Protein backbone atom coordinates (compact mmCIF):
# COMPACT_ATOMS: atom_id res chain seq x y z
CA MET A 1 11.94 -9.24 -3.44
CA THR A 2 11.91 -5.63 -2.32
CA VAL A 3 9.96 -4.26 0.59
CA TYR A 4 10.13 -0.74 1.95
CA ILE A 5 9.98 0.78 5.41
CA ASP A 6 9.48 4.36 6.55
CA PRO A 7 11.03 5.86 9.70
CA PRO A 8 9.33 5.12 13.02
CA ALA A 9 7.39 8.38 13.20
CA TRP A 10 3.85 7.19 13.89
CA PRO A 11 2.72 7.19 17.55
CA GLY A 12 0.45 4.55 19.01
CA HIS A 13 0.12 2.44 22.12
CA GLY A 14 2.95 4.27 23.86
CA ARG A 15 5.55 3.73 21.14
CA MET A 16 6.54 4.82 17.66
CA TRP A 17 5.83 2.77 14.53
CA SER A 18 7.00 2.32 10.95
CA HIS A 19 5.10 1.03 7.94
CA LEU A 20 6.41 -1.95 6.00
CA VAL A 21 5.09 -2.25 2.42
CA SER A 22 5.64 -4.02 -0.88
CA ASP A 23 5.41 -2.50 -4.32
CA VAL A 24 4.70 -5.89 -5.89
CA SER A 25 2.19 -7.92 -3.88
CA TYR A 26 0.75 -8.64 -0.47
CA ASP A 27 2.16 -12.19 -0.79
CA GLU A 28 5.68 -10.76 -1.02
CA LEU A 29 5.00 -8.56 2.00
CA HIS A 30 3.57 -11.43 4.07
CA LEU A 31 6.57 -13.64 3.26
CA PHE A 32 9.04 -10.95 4.30
CA ALA A 33 7.15 -10.19 7.50
CA ALA A 34 6.91 -13.89 8.39
CA ALA A 35 10.66 -14.35 7.85
CA LEU A 36 11.21 -11.38 10.15
CA GLY A 37 8.96 -12.95 12.79
CA VAL A 38 6.31 -10.24 12.56
CA PRO A 39 2.87 -11.59 13.54
CA ARG A 40 0.13 -11.44 10.90
CA ARG A 41 -2.01 -9.38 13.31
CA ALA A 42 0.43 -6.48 12.62
CA PHE A 43 -0.92 -6.30 9.04
CA GLU A 44 -3.34 -3.42 8.54
CA ARG A 45 -5.09 -3.04 5.16
CA ASP A 46 -1.96 -2.62 3.00
CA HIS A 47 1.03 -2.53 5.36
CA TYR A 48 2.58 -3.99 8.47
CA ASP A 49 3.02 -1.81 11.53
CA ILE A 50 6.57 -2.30 12.79
CA PRO A 51 7.57 -0.99 16.25
CA ALA A 52 10.61 1.31 16.38
CA HIS A 53 12.71 -1.29 18.20
CA ARG A 54 12.34 -3.65 15.17
CA TYR A 55 13.18 -1.03 12.52
CA ALA A 56 16.87 -1.96 12.33
CA ASP A 57 15.94 -5.65 12.10
CA ALA A 58 13.74 -4.97 9.07
CA VAL A 59 16.48 -2.95 7.37
CA ALA A 60 19.08 -5.63 8.12
CA ALA A 61 16.73 -8.21 6.57
CA GLY A 62 16.60 -6.17 3.37
CA ALA A 63 13.84 -3.58 3.73
CA VAL A 64 14.69 -0.40 1.84
CA GLU A 65 14.46 2.80 3.87
CA VAL A 66 12.18 5.43 2.34
CA ARG A 67 10.31 8.51 3.52
CA SER A 68 6.69 8.16 4.59
CA ARG A 69 5.43 9.94 1.47
CA GLU A 70 7.30 7.40 -0.65
CA VAL A 71 5.47 4.53 1.08
CA VAL A 72 2.14 5.97 -0.03
CA ARG A 73 3.41 6.63 -3.56
CA LEU A 74 4.72 3.07 -3.89
CA LEU A 75 1.42 1.59 -2.73
CA HIS A 76 -0.57 3.74 -5.16
CA ALA A 77 1.74 2.99 -8.09
CA ALA A 78 1.43 -0.76 -7.44
CA GLY A 79 -2.35 -0.60 -7.04
CA LEU A 80 -2.00 -1.93 -3.49
CA ARG A 81 -3.25 1.09 -1.53
CA ARG A 82 -6.30 0.32 0.60
CA ARG A 83 -7.92 3.24 2.37
CA LYS A 84 -9.63 3.04 5.73
CA SER A 85 -13.33 2.38 5.36
CA GLY A 86 -15.83 4.77 6.86
C-alpha cells in the first residue's frame, strides 16, 4: 500500500493543508486515512485534506512525500482524478 502526500502549502480555515492521495484506489486511501485517525469528512472528491500539524504523522505512517504537481500526475495516471463540478 502506497499513499502520497504533498507539502502543507494550501491555505484554508486559518491553517495550511496537504493532500493525501492513492495511485491505486480510493479503498486503499480510505484504509490509510482511517488507520491514521483522519475523519471521512476530510475526503474531498479524490483526496484527503490533511492539516499541517498532521503532516509528519502521515509520513511516519508511510505516506510518501511528493510535490503538489506529482499528486495531480499520480491521480491522473491512476484514473482517480475527479475535478470539481461546476
